[in-house]
Amino acid sequence: MFDNTLISWVSDALVLLSMIIMSIAIYGMFKLPDVYTRIHAAGKGAFLGILPLLLAASINGGPALGYRAFLIAVFLLLTTPVGAHVIGLAAYRMRERMETPGAIDESGSRLNEPEHNVS
């Protein structure tokens, strides 16, 4: 079996990786120009940042905690994209503009153009 110090080093490295991923995601949420790109950073940070933490917990906690960590990962896998989609849909319906340079609205609507009254 593995030595306890090796398991400790691996779990510490996973926690550090998780902190790095979440820090980058938080930085992206503050620095990205519009809601749509911020959703991407938040979704990646929520899912990819938690996975190493769950893996570290399952390594140190044994099989019972491993099963719980697996269920949490499945729950996040199912709910994170749905939450991001709902936030994006709400922003779209509130006519939130895309501020990213070079962004092309491919939705087929004229949502990003100012409304002109033709009367």
Protein backbone atom coordinates (compact mmCIF):
# COMPACT_ATOMS: atom_id res chain seq x y z
CA MET A 1 0.00 0.00 0.00
CA PHE A 2 1.02 3.65 -0.24
CA ASP A 3 3.00 5.38 2.42
CA ASN A 4 1.01 7.90 4.49
CA THR A 5 3.42 10.70 3.64
CA LEU A 6 2.90 10.11 -0.09
CA ILE A 7 -0.88 10.22 0.35
CA SER A 8 -0.51 13.40 2.37
CA TRP A 9 1.65 15.03 -0.33
CA VAL A 10 -0.76 14.03 -3.09
CA SER A 11 -3.78 15.36 -1.23
CA ASP A 12 -1.95 18.60 -0.41
CA ALA A 13 -1.04 19.00 -4.09
CA LEU A 14 -4.68 18.46 -5.06
CA VAL A 15 -5.83 21.10 -2.58
CA LEU A 16 -3.22 23.51 -3.97
CA LEU A 17 -4.36 22.77 -7.53
CA SER A 18 -7.94 23.45 -6.50
CA MET A 19 -6.99 26.77 -4.94
CA ILE A 20 -5.12 27.81 -8.09
CA ILE A 21 -8.05 26.93 -10.36
CA MET A 22 -10.57 28.77 -8.17
CA SER A 23 -8.30 31.80 -7.87
CA ILE A 24 -8.01 32.04 -11.64
CA ALA A 25 -11.78 31.70 -11.94
CA ILE A 26 -12.37 34.48 -9.41
CA TYR A 27 -9.90 36.71 -11.23
CA GLY A 28 -11.75 35.97 -14.47
CA MET A 29 -15.09 36.84 -12.93
CA PHE A 30 -13.80 40.29 -12.02
CA LYS A 31 -11.79 41.02 -15.16
CA LEU A 32 -13.92 39.61 -17.99
CA PRO A 33 -15.98 42.24 -19.80
CA ASP A 34 -19.54 40.87 -19.89
CA VAL A 35 -21.96 38.50 -18.22
CA TYR A 36 -21.60 35.78 -20.82
CA THR A 37 -17.85 35.39 -20.41
CA ARG A 38 -18.12 35.69 -16.62
CA ILE A 39 -20.55 32.77 -16.61
CA HIS A 40 -17.89 30.69 -18.32
CA ALA A 41 -15.31 31.53 -15.65
CA ALA A 42 -17.75 30.88 -12.83
CA GLY A 43 -18.86 27.54 -14.24
CA LYS A 44 -15.34 26.29 -14.81
CA GLY A 45 -14.25 27.46 -11.38
CA ALA A 46 -17.19 25.86 -9.65
CA PHE A 47 -16.79 22.48 -11.29
CA LEU A 48 -13.08 22.10 -12.09
CA GLY A 49 -12.05 23.79 -8.84
CA ILE A 50 -14.08 21.49 -6.62
CA LEU A 51 -13.05 18.22 -8.30
CA PRO A 52 -9.48 18.16 -6.91
CA LEU A 53 -10.86 18.94 -3.45
CA LEU A 54 -13.28 16.04 -3.71
CA LEU A 55 -10.51 13.75 -4.90
CA ALA A 56 -8.28 14.81 -1.99
CA ALA A 57 -11.12 14.17 0.45
CA SER A 58 -11.80 10.74 -1.00
CA ILE A 59 -8.10 9.81 -0.83
CA ASN A 60 -7.88 10.71 2.86
CA GLY A 61 -11.38 9.78 3.98
CA GLY A 62 -11.74 6.20 2.89
CA PRO A 63 -14.47 4.50 0.88
CA ALA A 64 -17.48 6.05 2.65
CA LEU A 65 -16.26 9.57 1.97
CA GLY A 66 -15.23 8.53 -1.54
CA TYR A 67 -18.80 7.55 -2.39
CA ARG A 68 -20.10 10.86 -1.08
CA ALA A 69 -17.47 12.78 -3.04
CA PHE A 70 -18.47 10.89 -6.18
CA LEU A 71 -22.13 11.80 -5.64
CA ILE A 72 -21.21 15.44 -5.11
CA ALA A 73 -19.17 15.41 -8.33
CA VAL A 74 -22.10 13.92 -10.26
CA PHE A 75 -24.45 16.52 -8.77
CA LEU A 76 -22.10 19.34 -9.79
CA LEU A 77 -21.69 17.83 -13.24
CA LEU A 78 -25.46 17.95 -13.72
CA THR A 79 -26.29 21.28 -12.08
CA THR A 80 -23.42 23.62 -13.01
CA PRO A 81 -24.23 23.78 -16.75
CA VAL A 82 -27.94 24.17 -16.01
CA GLY A 83 -27.27 27.07 -13.65
CA ALA A 84 -24.97 28.75 -16.14
CA HIS A 85 -27.56 28.33 -18.89
CA VAL A 86 -30.31 29.87 -16.75
CA ILE A 87 -28.12 32.85 -15.87
CA GLY A 88 -27.19 33.32 -19.54
CA LEU A 89 -30.83 33.07 -20.61
CA ALA A 90 -31.84 35.66 -18.01
CA ALA A 91 -29.10 38.01 -19.21
CA TYR A 92 -30.19 37.48 -22.81
CA ARG A 93 -33.82 38.23 -21.98
CA MET A 94 -32.78 41.36 -20.11
CA ARG A 95 -31.03 42.43 -23.32
CA GLU A 96 -27.57 42.36 -21.77
CA ARG A 97 -25.03 43.38 -24.40
CA MET A 98 -21.96 41.40 -25.34
CA GLU A 99 -19.00 43.63 -24.54
CA THR A 100 -16.22 41.27 -25.61
CA PRO A 101 -14.21 42.79 -28.46
CA GLY A 102 -14.92 40.96 -31.70
CA ALA A 103 -17.91 39.07 -30.29
CA ILE A 104 -20.51 38.11 -32.88
CA ASP A 105 -24.09 37.56 -31.83
CA GLU A 106 -25.13 34.42 -33.70
CA SER A 107 -28.58 34.15 -32.17
CA GLY A 108 -30.24 35.56 -35.26
CA SER A 109 -31.88 38.41 -33.38
CA ARG A 110 -30.99 42.06 -33.42
CA LEU A 111 -30.56 42.07 -29.65
CA ASN A 112 -27.26 43.96 -29.55
CA GLU A 113 -28.31 46.70 -31.92
CA PRO A 114 -30.11 49.77 -30.61
CA GLU A 115 -33.83 49.82 -31.26
CA HIS A 116 -34.99 52.30 -33.90
CA ASN A 117 -38.55 53.50 -34.09
CA VAL A 118 -39.67 53.44 -37.71
CA SER A 119 -42.90 55.40 -37.69
